[in-house]
C-alpha atoms as a PDB file:
ATOM      1  CA  MET A   1      11.384  -8.649   3.371  1.00  0.00           C
ATOM      2  CA  LYS A   2      10.398  -6.531   6.549  1.00  0.00           C
ATOM      3  CA  LEU A   3       7.036  -4.284   6.615  1.00  0.00           C
ATOM      4  CA  ARG A   4       7.020  -0.908   7.118  1.00  0.00           C
ATOM      5  CA  THR A   5       4.248  -0.474  10.088  1.00  0.00           C
ATOM      6  CA  ARG A   6       2.010   2.436  10.942  1.00  0.00           C
ATOM      7  CA  THR A   7       2.903   4.499  14.175  1.00  0.00           C
ATOM      8  CA  ASP A   8       0.318   5.521  16.485  1.00  0.00           C
ATOM      9  CA  ASP A   9      -0.668   8.396  14.849  1.00  0.00           C
ATOM     10  CA  GLY A  10      -1.952   6.170  11.820  1.00  0.00           C
ATOM     11  CA  GLU A  11       0.812   7.665   9.260  1.00  0.00           C
ATOM     12  CA  PHE A  12       4.127   6.025   7.576  1.00  0.00           C
ATOM     13  CA  GLY A  13       6.723   8.749   7.201  1.00  0.00           C
ATOM     14  CA  LEU A  14       6.829  10.957   3.969  1.00  0.00           C
ATOM     15  CA  LEU A  15       4.398   7.917   2.511  1.00  0.00           C
ATOM     16  CA  VAL A  16       0.861   8.089   1.386  1.00  0.00           C
ATOM     17  CA  PRO A  17      -1.294   4.872   0.632  1.00  0.00           C
ATOM     18  CA  ALA A  18      -1.607   3.972  -3.050  1.00  0.00           C
ATOM     19  CA  ALA A  19      -3.942   0.842  -2.482  1.00  0.00           C
ATOM     20  CA  THR A  20      -5.061  -0.968   0.297  1.00  0.00           C
ATOM     21  CA  VAL A  21      -5.361  -5.000  -0.105  1.00  0.00           C
ATOM     22  CA  TYR A  22      -6.261  -8.014   2.951  1.00  0.00           C
ATOM     23  CA  ASP A  23      -3.908 -10.809   1.536  1.00  0.00           C
ATOM     24  CA  MET A  24       0.591 -10.562   1.098  1.00  0.00           C
ATOM     25  CA  GLN A  25       1.080 -11.479  -2.718  1.00  0.00           C
ATOM     26  CA  SER A  26      -1.867  -9.451  -3.558  1.00  0.00           C
ATOM     27  CA  ALA A  27       0.180  -6.064  -2.135  1.00  0.00           C
ATOM     28  CA  ARG A  28       3.418  -7.315  -4.016  1.00  0.00           C
ATOM     29  CA  THR A  29       1.569  -7.318  -7.090  1.00  0.00           C
ATOM     30  CA  VAL A  30       0.293  -3.911  -6.936  1.00  0.00           C
ATOM     31  CA  ARG A  31       3.736  -3.285  -6.044  1.00  0.00           C
ATOM     32  CA  GLN A  32       5.584  -4.862  -8.738  1.00  0.00           C
ATOM     33  CA  LEU A  33       3.150  -3.181 -10.925  1.00  0.00           C
ATOM     34  CA  LEU A  34       3.980   0.545 -10.102  1.00  0.00           C
ATOM     35  CA  ARG A  35       6.871  -0.274  -9.846  1.00  0.00           C
ATOM     36  CA  ALA A  36       7.539  -1.425 -13.238  1.00  0.00           C
ATOM     37  CA  ALA A  37       5.834   1.879 -14.516  1.00  0.00           C
ATOM     38  CA  GLY A  38       8.469   4.357 -12.873  1.00  0.00           C
ATOM     39  CA  VAL A  39       6.472   4.864  -9.409  1.00  0.00           C
ATOM     40  CA  ARG A  40       8.566   4.397  -6.553  1.00  0.00           C
ATOM     41  CA  ALA A  41       6.507   2.082  -4.106  1.00  0.00           C
ATOM     42  CA  THR A  42       6.716  -0.062  -0.954  1.00  0.00           C
ATOM     43  CA  MET A  43       4.394  -2.160   1.044  1.00  0.00           C
ATOM     44  CA  GLY A  44       3.369  -1.521   4.804  1.00  0.00           C
ATOM     45  CA  ARG A  45       0.796  -3.636   7.515  1.00  0.00           C
ATOM     46  CA  THR A  46      -1.532  -1.821   9.349  1.00  0.00           C
ATOM     47  CA  ARG A  47      -4.043  -4.401  11.305  1.00  0.00           C
ATOM     48  CA  ILE A  48      -7.833  -4.836  11.642  1.00  0.00           C
ATOM     49  CA  HIS A  49      -9.925  -5.014  14.789  1.00  0.00           C
ATOM     50  CA  ARG A  50     -13.097  -6.178  14.663  1.00  0.00           C
ATOM     51  CA  TRP A  51     -15.388  -8.678  16.617  1.00  0.00           C
ATOM     52  CA  ARG A  52     -12.206 -10.186  18.032  1.00  0.00           C
ATOM     53  CA  ASN A  53     -10.712 -10.611  15.141  1.00  0.00           C
ATOM     54  CA  ILE A  54      -7.377  -9.198  14.202  1.00  0.00           C
ATOM     55  CA  LYS A  55      -6.903  -9.260  10.242  1.00  0.00           C
ATOM     56  CA  ASP A  56      -4.001  -7.335   8.696  1.00  0.00           C
ATOM     57  CA  ARG A  57      -4.234  -5.245   5.948  1.00  0.00           C
ATOM     58  CA  PHE A  58      -1.670  -4.494   3.626  1.00  0.00           C
ATOM     59  CA  GLN A  59      -1.096  -0.933   2.191  1.00  0.00           C
ATOM     60  CA  ILE A  60       1.060   0.592  -1.020  1.00  0.00           C
ATOM     61  CA  LEU A  61       3.141   3.616   0.126  1.00  0.00           C
ATOM     62  CA  VAL A  62       3.946   5.828  -2.562  1.00  0.00           C
ATOM     63  CA  PHE A  63       5.604   9.528  -2.213  1.00  0.00           C
ATOM     64  CA  PRO A  64       3.165  12.325  -2.197  1.00  0.00           C
ATOM     65  CA  GLU A  65       4.519  13.641  -5.846  1.00  0.00           C
ATOM     66  CA  ASP A  66       3.890  10.105  -6.687  1.00  0.00           C
ATOM     67  CA  ALA A  67       0.192   9.488  -5.847  1.00  0.00           C
ATOM     68  CA  VAL A  68      -1.565  10.892  -9.090  1.00  0.00           C
ATOM     69  CA  ARG A  69       0.799   8.969 -10.662  1.00  0.00           C
ATOM     70  CA  ALA A  70       0.536   6.506  -8.932  1.00  0.00           C
ATOM     71  CA  TYR A  71      -4.174   6.624  -8.979  1.00  0.00           C
ATOM     72  CA  ASP A  72      -3.211   6.927 -12.890  1.00  0.00           C
ATOM     73  CA  VAL A  73      -1.634   3.451 -13.123  1.00  0.00           C
ATOM     74  CA  LEU A  74      -3.869   1.345 -10.829  1.00  0.00           C
ATOM     75  CA  SER A  75      -6.920   2.585 -12.781  1.00  0.00           C
ATOM     76  CA  ARG A  76      -5.955   1.395 -16.054  1.00  0.00           C
ATOM     77  CA  HIS A  77      -5.380  -2.234 -14.944  1.00  0.00           C
ATOM     78  CA  THR A  78      -8.543  -2.452 -12.412  1.00  0.00           C
ATOM     79  CA  SER A  79     -11.842  -3.035 -13.898  1.00  0.00           C
END
């Protein structure tokens, strides 16, 4: 699977981030949860540069019109 990558201005085109996680398995789980609820979702990867340590950060991306519904779904499934 090819992940979307961030452009220079930090945007993913028309998509907006609904969640941010730090490992691929969590990103897949969140994406599957949203898709099961009927929310169109994909994943994007960005890199964090801290103290010479580069880490990946995964964002689950949705269309703006699905963002509120995605938030509701994720709110119900987190404690």
